[in-house]
C-alpha atoms as a PDB file:
ATOM      1  CA  MET A   1      92.049  81.913  94.455  1.00  0.00           C
ATOM      2  CA  ALA A   2      92.685  84.486  97.013  1.00  0.00           C
ATOM      3  CA  PHE A   3      92.827  88.325  97.432  1.00  0.00           C
ATOM      4  CA  GLY A   4      96.289  89.789  98.106  1.00  0.00           C
ATOM      5  CA  VAL A   5      97.792  93.163  98.233  1.00  0.00           C
ATOM      6  CA  ILE A   6     101.337  94.352  97.825  1.00  0.00           C
ATOM      7  CA  ILE A   7     102.159  97.760  99.306  1.00  0.00           C
ATOM      8  CA  ILE A   8     105.474  99.216  97.868  1.00  0.00           C
ATOM      9  CA  GLY A   9     107.533 102.073  98.985  1.00  0.00           C
ATOM     10  CA  ASP A  10     110.717 102.715 101.012  1.00  0.00           C
ATOM     11  CA  GLU A  11     108.610 105.558 102.890  1.00  0.00           C
ATOM     12  CA  ILE A  12     106.419 102.840 104.481  1.00  0.00           C
ATOM     13  CA  LEU A  13     109.376 100.720 105.577  1.00  0.00           C
ATOM     14  CA  SER A  14     111.261 103.579 106.900  1.00  0.00           C
ATOM     15  CA  GLY A  15     108.467 105.086 108.858  1.00  0.00           C
ATOM     16  CA  ARG A  16     108.250 108.288 106.994  1.00  0.00           C
ATOM     17  CA  ARG A  17     104.741 107.405 106.278  1.00  0.00           C
ATOM     18  CA  VAL A  18     102.270 105.139 107.942  1.00  0.00           C
ATOM     19  CA  ASP A  19     100.517 102.752 105.793  1.00  0.00           C
ATOM     20  CA  LYS A  20      96.802 103.152 105.505  1.00  0.00           C
ATOM     21  CA  HIS A  21      96.179 100.729 102.576  1.00  0.00           C
ATOM     22  CA  LEU A  22      96.077  97.473 104.383  1.00  0.00           C
ATOM     23  CA  PRO A  23      93.113  98.401 106.808  1.00  0.00           C
ATOM     24  CA  LYS A  24      91.319 100.263 103.918  1.00  0.00           C
ATOM     25  CA  VAL A  25      91.800  97.142 101.505  1.00  0.00           C
ATOM     26  CA  ILE A  26      90.386  94.871 104.321  1.00  0.00           C
ATOM     27  CA  GLU A  27      87.370  97.213 104.670  1.00  0.00           C
ATOM     28  CA  LEU A  28      86.435  97.332 101.065  1.00  0.00           C
ATOM     29  CA  LEU A  29      86.801  93.757 100.776  1.00  0.00           C
ATOM     30  CA  GLY A  30      84.543  93.007 103.939  1.00  0.00           C
ATOM     31  CA  ALA A  31      81.948  95.252 102.636  1.00  0.00           C
ATOM     32  CA  ARG A  32      81.546  93.023  99.706  1.00  0.00           C
ATOM     33  CA  GLY A  33      81.605  89.896 101.671  1.00  0.00           C
ATOM     34  CA  LEU A  34      85.234  89.030 100.530  1.00  0.00           C
ATOM     35  CA  SER A  35      88.329  88.792 102.785  1.00  0.00           C
ATOM     36  CA  LEU A  36      92.052  89.397 102.396  1.00  0.00           C
ATOM     37  CA  GLY A  37      94.250  86.216 102.081  1.00  0.00           C
ATOM     38  CA  TRP A  38      97.676  87.834 102.385  1.00  0.00           C
ATOM     39  CA  ALA A  39      99.558  91.049 102.322  1.00  0.00           C
ATOM     40  CA  GLU A  40     103.358  91.962 101.655  1.00  0.00           C
ATOM     41  CA  TYR A  41     105.297  95.232 102.094  1.00  0.00           C
ATOM     42  CA  ILE A  42     108.177  95.822  99.768  1.00  0.00           C
ATOM     43  CA  GLY A  43     110.715  98.636  99.493  1.00  0.00           C
ATOM     44  CA  ASP A  44     111.614 100.393  96.147  1.00  0.00           C
ATOM     45  CA  ASP A  45     113.870  97.453  95.261  1.00  0.00           C
ATOM     46  CA  PRO A  46     113.490  96.429  91.558  1.00  0.00           C
ATOM     47  CA  GLN A  47     114.910  92.929  92.012  1.00  0.00           C
ATOM     48  CA  ARG A  48     112.601  92.331  95.058  1.00  0.00           C
ATOM     49  CA  ILE A  49     109.661  93.611  93.595  1.00  0.00           C
ATOM     50  CA  THR A  50     110.092  91.721  90.193  1.00  0.00           C
ATOM     51  CA  ALA A  51     110.730  88.501  92.071  1.00  0.00           C
ATOM     52  CA  THR A  52     107.394  89.103  94.169  1.00  0.00           C
ATOM     53  CA  LEU A  53     105.355  89.614  91.039  1.00  0.00           C
ATOM     54  CA  ARG A  54     106.884  86.808  89.299  1.00  0.00           C
ATOM     55  CA  ARG A  55     105.551  84.613  92.239  1.00  0.00           C
ATOM     56  CA  THR A  56     102.194  86.220  92.614  1.00  0.00           C
ATOM     57  CA  PHE A  57     101.570  86.155  88.815  1.00  0.00           C
ATOM     58  CA  ASP A  58     101.949  82.395  89.060  1.00  0.00           C
ATOM     59  CA  SER A  59      99.843  81.958  92.056  1.00  0.00           C
ATOM     60  CA  GLY A  60      96.519  82.673  90.300  1.00  0.00           C
ATOM     61  CA  ASP A  61      95.539  85.109  93.122  1.00  0.00           C
ATOM     62  CA  ILE A  62      93.724  88.560  92.618  1.00  0.00           C
ATOM     63  CA  VAL A  63      96.183  91.066  93.565  1.00  0.00           C
ATOM     64  CA  PHE A  64      96.111  94.720  94.380  1.00  0.00           C
ATOM     65  CA  SER A  65      99.550  96.660  94.218  1.00  0.00           C
ATOM     66  CA  THR A  66      99.832 100.131  95.442  1.00  0.00           C
ATOM     67  CA  GLY A  67     102.658 102.602  94.683  1.00  0.00           C
ATOM     68  CA  GLY A  68     105.599 102.841  92.306  1.00  0.00           C
ATOM     69  CA  ILE A  69     103.678 103.577  89.198  1.00  0.00           C
ATOM     70  CA  GLY A  70     104.767 106.973  88.586  1.00  0.00           C
ATOM     71  CA  ALA A  71     107.625 108.255  86.380  1.00  0.00           C
ATOM     72  CA  THR A  72     110.299 109.306  88.815  1.00  0.00           C
ATOM     73  CA  PRO A  73     113.628 107.446  89.507  1.00  0.00           C
ATOM     74  CA  ASP A  74     112.202 105.430  92.540  1.00  0.00           C
ATOM     75  CA  ASP A  75     109.215 104.513  90.813  1.00  0.00           C
ATOM     76  CA  HIS A  76     109.657 100.746  89.410  1.00  0.00           C
ATOM     77  CA  THR A  77     106.464  98.808  89.490  1.00  0.00           C
ATOM     78  CA  ARG A  78     105.610  99.282  85.872  1.00  0.00           C
ATOM     79  CA  GLN A  79     109.020  98.129  84.643  1.00  0.00           C
ATOM     80  CA  CYS A  80     109.290  95.265  87.279  1.00  0.00           C
ATOM     81  CA  ALA A  81     105.643  93.943  86.259  1.00  0.00           C
ATOM     82  CA  ALA A  82     106.908  93.739  82.667  1.00  0.00           C
ATOM     83  CA  ALA A  83     110.113  91.923  83.762  1.00  0.00           C
ATOM     84  CA  ALA A  84     108.079  89.446  85.723  1.00  0.00           C
ATOM     85  CA  LEU A  85     106.111  88.715  82.857  1.00  0.00           C
ATOM     86  CA  GLY A  86     108.672  88.645  80.281  1.00  0.00           C
ATOM     87  CA  VAL A  87     106.999  91.178  78.042  1.00  0.00           C
ATOM     88  CA  PRO A  88     108.117  94.732  76.957  1.00  0.00           C
ATOM     89  CA  LEU A  89     106.649  98.086  78.127  1.00  0.00           C
ATOM     90  CA  GLN A  90     104.471 100.163  75.715  1.00  0.00           C
ATOM     91  CA  LEU A  91     102.510 103.200  75.671  1.00  0.00           C
ATOM     92  CA  HIS A  92      98.772 102.556  76.128  1.00  0.00           C
ATOM     93  CA  PRO A  93      96.872 104.526  73.662  1.00  0.00           C
ATOM     94  CA  GLU A  94      93.981 105.372  76.030  1.00  0.00           C
ATOM     95  CA  ALA A  95      96.547 106.181  78.733  1.00  0.00           C
ATOM     96  CA  GLN A  96      98.392 108.665  76.489  1.00  0.00           C
ATOM     97  CA  LYS A  97      94.962 110.301  75.649  1.00  0.00           C
ATOM     98  CA  LEU A  98      94.018 110.512  79.480  1.00  0.00           C
ATOM     99  CA  ILE A  99      97.487 111.954  80.542  1.00  0.00           C
ATOM    100  CA  GLN A 100      97.365 114.540  77.692  1.00  0.00           C
ATOM    101  CA  GLU A 101      93.970 115.638  79.060  1.00  0.00           C
ATOM    102  CA  ARG A 102      95.431 116.071  82.298  1.00  0.00           C
ATOM    103  CA  ILE A 103      98.379 118.092  81.004  1.00  0.00           C
ATOM    104  CA  ARG A 104      95.717 120.344  79.269  1.00  0.00           C
ATOM    105  CA  ASP A 105      93.780 120.679  82.512  1.00  0.00           C
ATOM    106  CA  MET A 106      97.009 121.741  84.235  1.00  0.00           C
ATOM    107  CA  TYR A 107      98.569 123.904  81.632  1.00  0.00           C
ATOM    108  CA  PRO A 108      95.684 125.406  79.491  1.00  0.00           C
ATOM    109  CA  ALA A 109      97.078 126.949  76.386  1.00  0.00           C
ATOM    110  CA  THR A 110      96.979 130.629  75.805  1.00  0.00           C
ATOM    111  CA  ALA A 111      98.181 132.904  72.860  1.00  0.00           C
ATOM    112  CA  ALA A 112     101.097 133.761  74.989  1.00  0.00           C
ATOM    113  CA  THR A 113     101.940 130.409  76.018  1.00  0.00           C
ATOM    114  CA  PRO A 114     100.908 127.659  73.622  1.00  0.00           C
ATOM    115  CA  LEU A 115     100.935 124.165  74.839  1.00  0.00           C
ATOM    116  CA  ASP A 116     103.590 121.823  73.486  1.00  0.00           C
ATOM    117  CA  LEU A 117     102.559 118.207  74.077  1.00  0.00           C
ATOM    118  CA  ASN A 118     105.796 117.132  72.562  1.00  0.00           C
ATOM    119  CA  SER A 119     108.193 119.074  75.024  1.00  0.00           C
ATOM    120  CA  PRO A 120     110.600 116.852  76.859  1.00  0.00           C
ATOM    121  CA  GLU A 121     108.748 117.334  80.032  1.00  0.00           C
ATOM    122  CA  ASN A 122     105.302 116.315  78.581  1.00  0.00           C
ATOM    123  CA  LEU A 123     106.821 113.375  76.853  1.00  0.00           C
ATOM    124  CA  HIS A 124     108.207 112.252  80.008  1.00  0.00           C
ATOM    125  CA  ARG A 125     104.793 112.421  81.687  1.00  0.00           C
ATOM    126  CA  LEU A 126     103.675 109.809  78.954  1.00  0.00           C
ATOM    127  CA  ASN A 127     106.041 107.212  80.906  1.00  0.00           C
ATOM    128  CA  MET A 128     103.039 106.921  83.481  1.00  0.00           C
ATOM    129  CA  GLY A 129     101.155 105.459  80.789  1.00  0.00           C
ATOM    130  CA  THR A 130     103.712 102.765  79.712  1.00  0.00           C
ATOM    131  CA  TYR A 131     102.649  99.419  80.831  1.00  0.00           C
ATOM    132  CA  PRO A 132     103.536  95.824  80.295  1.00  0.00           C
ATOM    133  CA  GLN A 133     102.187  94.657  76.933  1.00  0.00           C
ATOM    134  CA  GLY A 134      98.667  93.490  76.967  1.00  0.00           C
ATOM    135  CA  ALA A 135      97.750  95.640  79.978  1.00  0.00           C
ATOM    136  CA  ALA A 136      94.241  97.412  80.494  1.00  0.00           C
ATOM    137  CA  ILE A 137      93.847 100.749  82.137  1.00  0.00           C
ATOM    138  CA  ILE A 138      92.172 101.330  85.611  1.00  0.00           C
ATOM    139  CA  PRO A 139      90.266 104.688  85.524  1.00  0.00           C
ATOM    140  CA  ASN A 140      91.531 107.348  87.972  1.00  0.00           C
ATOM    141  CA  GLY A 141      88.789 109.669  88.754  1.00  0.00           C
ATOM    142  CA  TYR A 142      90.923 112.103  90.779  1.00  0.00           C
ATOM    143  CA  ASN A 143      93.430 113.250  88.220  1.00  0.00           C
ATOM    144  CA  LYS A 144      92.633 111.209  85.300  1.00  0.00           C
ATOM    145  CA  ILE A 145      96.090 109.467  85.152  1.00  0.00           C
ATOM    146  CA  PRO A 146      95.296 105.813  85.044  1.00  0.00           C
ATOM    147  CA  GLY A 147      96.524 102.660  86.735  1.00  0.00           C
ATOM    148  CA  PHE A 148      96.721  99.448  84.950  1.00  0.00           C
ATOM    149  CA  SER A 149      95.876  95.689  85.085  1.00  0.00           C
ATOM    150  CA  ILE A 150      97.178  92.663  83.792  1.00  0.00           C
ATOM    151  CA  ARG A 151      96.777  88.923  84.825  1.00  0.00           C
ATOM    152  CA  GLU A 152      94.145  89.806  87.820  1.00  0.00           C
ATOM    153  CA  HIS A 153      96.864  92.018  89.221  1.00  0.00           C
ATOM    154  CA  TYR A 154      95.792  95.695  89.550  1.00  0.00           C
ATOM    155  CA  PHE A 155      98.274  98.349  89.887  1.00  0.00           C
ATOM    156  CA  VAL A 156      97.262 101.743  91.484  1.00  0.00           C
ATOM    157  CA  PRO A 157      99.158 104.783  93.016  1.00  0.00           C
ATOM    158  CA  GLY A 158     100.244 105.117  96.428  1.00  0.00           C
ATOM    159  CA  PHE A 159      97.947 107.937  97.136  1.00  0.00           C
ATOM    160  CA  PRO A 160      94.882 106.654  99.098  1.00  0.00           C
ATOM    161  CA  VAL A 161      92.629 109.530  97.574  1.00  0.00           C
ATOM    162  CA  MET A 162      93.339 107.857  94.245  1.00  0.00           C
ATOM    163  CA  ALA A 163      93.987 104.270  95.099  1.00  0.00           C
ATOM    164  CA  TRP A 164      90.954 103.463  97.149  1.00  0.00           C
ATOM    165  CA  PRO A 165      88.315 104.481  94.666  1.00  0.00           C
ATOM    166  CA  MET A 166      90.274 102.670  91.982  1.00  0.00           C
ATOM    167  CA  ILE A 167      90.320  99.520  94.129  1.00  0.00           C
ATOM    168  CA  GLU A 168      86.506  99.779  94.597  1.00  0.00           C
ATOM    169  CA  TRP A 169      86.145 100.283  90.936  1.00  0.00           C
ATOM    170  CA  VAL A 170      87.960  96.944  90.193  1.00  0.00           C
ATOM    171  CA  LEU A 171      86.018  95.031  92.817  1.00  0.00           C
ATOM    172  CA  ASP A 172      82.621  96.448  91.437  1.00  0.00           C
ATOM    173  CA  THR A 173      83.483  96.002  87.864  1.00  0.00           C
ATOM    174  CA  HIS A 174      85.199  92.628  87.682  1.00  0.00           C
ATOM    175  CA  TYR A 175      84.316  90.927  90.694  1.00  0.00           C
ATOM    176  CA  ALA A 176      80.802  91.660  91.330  1.00  0.00           C
ATOM    177  CA  HIS A 177      79.886  88.115  90.914  1.00  0.00           C
ATOM    178  CA  LEU A 178      82.119  87.220  94.075  1.00  0.00           C
ATOM    179  CA  HIS A 179      80.465  89.741  96.218  1.00  0.00           C
ATOM    180  CA  HIS A 180      78.712  87.838  99.105  1.00  0.00           C
ATOM    181  CA  ALA A 181      78.989  84.681  97.220  1.00  0.00           C
ATOM    182  CA  MET A 182      80.150  82.753 100.341  1.00  0.00           C
ATOM    183  CA  PRO A 183      78.015  83.424 103.310  1.00  0.00           C
ATOM    184  CA  HIS A 184      80.198  83.922 106.319  1.00  0.00           C
ATOM    185  CA  ALA A 185      79.832  84.039 110.030  1.00  0.00           C
ATOM    186  CA  GLU A 186      82.233  84.735 113.099  1.00  0.00           C
ATOM    187  CA  LYS A 187      81.473  84.357 116.664  1.00  0.00           C
ATOM    188  CA  SER A 188      83.851  84.540 119.638  1.00  0.00           C
ATOM    189  CA  LEU A 189      84.070  84.896 123.468  1.00  0.00           C
ATOM    190  CA  LEU A 190      86.662  85.855 125.960  1.00  0.00           C
ATOM    191  CA  VAL A 191      88.091  83.195 127.942  1.00  0.00           C
ATOM    192  CA  PHE A 192      89.693  83.962 131.454  1.00  0.00           C
ATOM    193  CA  GLU A 193      91.806  81.562 133.584  1.00  0.00           C
ATOM    194  CA  LEU A 194      92.717  79.006 131.029  1.00  0.00           C
ATOM    195  CA  PRO A 195      96.160  78.995 129.070  1.00  0.00           C
ATOM    196  CA  GLU A 196      96.121  78.220 125.253  1.00  0.00           C
ATOM    197  CA  SER A 197      97.909  74.926 125.902  1.00  0.00           C
ATOM    198  CA  ARG A 198      94.684  73.713 127.634  1.00  0.00           C
ATOM    199  CA  LEU A 199      92.363  74.903 124.953  1.00  0.00           C
ATOM    200  CA  THR A 200      94.310  73.477 121.865  1.00  0.00           C
ATOM    201  CA  PRO A 201      92.840  69.934 122.079  1.00  0.00           C
ATOM    202  CA  LEU A 202      89.283  71.532 122.203  1.00  0.00           C
ATOM    203  CA  MET A 203      90.157  73.654 119.269  1.00  0.00           C
ATOM    204  CA  GLU A 204      91.440  70.541 117.168  1.00  0.00           C
ATOM    205  CA  LYS A 205      88.287  68.618 118.121  1.00  0.00           C
ATOM    206  CA  ILE A 206      85.838  71.532 116.910  1.00  0.00           C
ATOM    207  CA  GLU A 207      87.849  71.697 113.521  1.00  0.00           C
ATOM    208  CA  ARG A 208      87.573  67.944 113.167  1.00  0.00           C
ATOM    209  CA  ASP A 209      83.935  67.750 114.025  1.00  0.00           C
ATOM    210  CA  PHE A 210      82.924  70.756 111.806  1.00  0.00           C
ATOM    211  CA  PRO A 211      84.681  70.658 108.525  1.00  0.00           C
ATOM    212  CA  GLY A 212      84.872  74.042 107.032  1.00  0.00           C
ATOM    213  CA  VAL A 213      84.911  75.762 110.484  1.00  0.00           C
ATOM    214  CA  ARG A 214      88.115  77.368 111.420  1.00  0.00           C
ATOM    215  CA  VAL A 215      89.107  78.151 115.062  1.00  0.00           C
ATOM    216  CA  PHE A 216      91.035  81.115 116.046  1.00  0.00           C
ATOM    217  CA  SER A 217      92.698  82.018 119.392  1.00  0.00           C
ATOM    218  CA  LEU A 218      93.858  85.592 120.116  1.00  0.00           C
ATOM    219  CA  PRO A 219      95.615  85.950 123.443  1.00  0.00           C
ATOM    220  CA  SER A 220      95.832  89.326 125.058  1.00  0.00           C
ATOM    221  CA  VAL A 221      97.992  90.429 128.161  1.00  0.00           C
ATOM    222  CA  GLY A 222      95.274  92.989 128.837  1.00  0.00           C
ATOM    223  CA  ASP A 223      93.686  96.238 127.163  1.00  0.00           C
ATOM    224  CA  ALA A 224      93.883  98.963 129.623  1.00  0.00           C
ATOM    225  CA  GLU A 225      92.581 101.540 127.183  1.00  0.00           C
ATOM    226  CA  ARG A 226      89.514  99.427 126.288  1.00  0.00           C
ATOM    227  CA  GLY A 227      89.055  98.838 130.052  1.00  0.00           C
ATOM    228  CA  GLY A 228      86.707  96.562 131.764  1.00  0.00           C
ATOM    229  CA  VAL A 229      87.091  92.971 131.466  1.00  0.00           C
ATOM    230  CA  TYR A 230      89.366  93.473 128.368  1.00  0.00           C
ATOM    231  CA  ALA A 231      91.871  94.800 130.777  1.00  0.00           C
ATOM    232  CA  ARG A 232      92.360  91.543 132.177  1.00  0.00           C
ATOM    233  CA  HIS A 233      94.551  88.751 130.822  1.00  0.00           C
ATOM    234  CA  HIS A 234      92.462  86.652 128.318  1.00  0.00           C
ATOM    235  CA  ILE A 235      91.963  84.866 125.077  1.00  0.00           C
ATOM    236  CA  ASP A 236      89.551  85.805 122.244  1.00  0.00           C
ATOM    237  CA  LEU A 237      88.564  82.532 121.187  1.00  0.00           C
ATOM    238  CA  GLY A 238      86.177  81.882 118.355  1.00  0.00           C
ATOM    239  CA  VAL A 239      84.967  80.165 115.154  1.00  0.00           C
ATOM    240  CA  LYS A 240      84.324  81.278 111.618  1.00  0.00           C
ATOM    241  CA  GLY A 241      83.095  80.130 108.462  1.00  0.00           C
ATOM    242  CA  GLU A 242      79.664  78.931 107.050  1.00  0.00           C
ATOM    243  CA  PRO A 243      76.908  80.578 109.242  1.00  0.00           C
ATOM    244  CA  GLU A 244      74.943  77.331 110.041  1.00  0.00           C
ATOM    245  CA  ALA A 245      77.983  75.449 110.739  1.00  0.00           C
ATOM    246  CA  VAL A 246      79.594  78.289 113.029  1.00  0.00           C
ATOM    247  CA  ALA A 247      76.429  78.379 115.062  1.00  0.00           C
ATOM    248  CA  ALA A 248      76.688  74.767 115.891  1.00  0.00           C
ATOM    249  CA  ALA A 249      80.352  74.710 116.527  1.00  0.00           C
ATOM    250  CA  PHE A 250      80.253  77.725 118.872  1.00  0.00           C
ATOM    251  CA  VAL A 251      77.804  75.898 121.085  1.00  0.00           C
ATOM    252  CA  LYS A 252      80.409  73.076 121.447  1.00  0.00           C
ATOM    253  CA  LEU A 253      83.172  75.562 121.888  1.00  0.00           C
ATOM    254  CA  ARG A 254      81.449  77.143 124.608  1.00  0.00           C
ATOM    255  CA  GLU A 255      80.406  73.935 126.288  1.00  0.00           C
ATOM    256  CA  GLY A 256      84.131  72.720 126.026  1.00  0.00           C
ATOM    257  CA  VAL A 257      85.374  75.836 127.792  1.00  0.00           C
ATOM    258  CA  HIS A 258      83.105  75.284 130.572  1.00  0.00           C
ATOM    259  CA  LEU A 259      84.141  71.728 130.975  1.00  0.00           C
ATOM    260  CA  LEU A 260      87.843  72.830 131.133  1.00  0.00           C
ATOM    261  CA  GLY A 261      86.882  75.143 134.005  1.00  0.00           C
ATOM    262  CA  GLY A 262      87.382  78.429 132.125  1.00  0.00           C
ATOM    263  CA  ASP A 263      85.515  81.826 132.988  1.00  0.00           C
ATOM    264  CA  ILE A 264      83.580  83.103 129.935  1.00  0.00           C
ATOM    265  CA  VAL A 265      82.452  86.702 129.077  1.00  0.00           C
ATOM    266  CA  GLU A 266      80.479  87.237 125.805  1.00  0.00           C
ATOM    267  CA  HIS A 267      81.705  90.373 123.976  1.00  0.00           C
ATOM    268  CA  GLU A 268      78.189  91.911 124.289  1.00  0.00           C
ATOM    269  CA  ALA A 269      78.101  91.201 127.953  1.00  0.00           C
ATOM    270  CA  ALA A 270      78.630  94.067 130.561  1.00  0.00           C
ATOM    271  CA  GLY A 271      81.649  92.390 132.004  1.00  0.00           C
ATOM    272  CA  LYS A 272      80.420  89.609 134.519  1.00  0.00           C
ATOM    273  CA  PRO A 273      82.110  86.445 133.675  1.00  0.00           C
ATOM    274  CA  ARG A 274      79.672  83.696 133.404  1.00  0.00           C
ATOM    275  CA  ALA A 275      80.349  80.263 135.392  1.00  0.00           C
END
């Protein structure tokens, strides 16, 4: 089981809007000792959305989907989720109640202008509460119009002000038992004067000798904005996994880089390479 996120919307792919969901989901998971396994971006293409959801429903993963759950012609997510599951859409009774509460909030009735919940416009708004059969609602504290969940998939609006608290609610309501369930540590150092090809055998040996520890290598041509040693060509080399194993693996990683003749700078160091 992994956590995944699907970010839906032509406006993201065209550049009209810059996605903010991915870093926020990573932050929300990380604060709970969890991590994101994968992410996908999809435009407002019903066939592609349906195919993606059909695959992710079969994966067993816990998936957040942002965008496309409104009631305008470019909103397809509700319909695609139903198609992917092979079930009909139906109006959720609690969603209907909440949407009608929102309508009353927006358009309070007066003697001069009584509120007609059965007007074409207000009936159309109820489409935002039609979900795949068997879905549950996700409360929306911002404007009451809920998202929905089904088969460990959680569908929220594209608006961050609504989506992010809803994702937090899901994590804290349904997955509190997973919070910090697996202790995790990560340690890395900056390596200079060595190419990745020279480091690869060492990385492979670390993973063989320490099962459950993963080695990562992030080359950089230099970060002038960050400055200091980070402005030089370097490799951010490290290990992550269970804390005790990571501590032991990091010692061996550091020793191995020394033996290969690389210069090392610890991240917390002031900038003097250590021989």
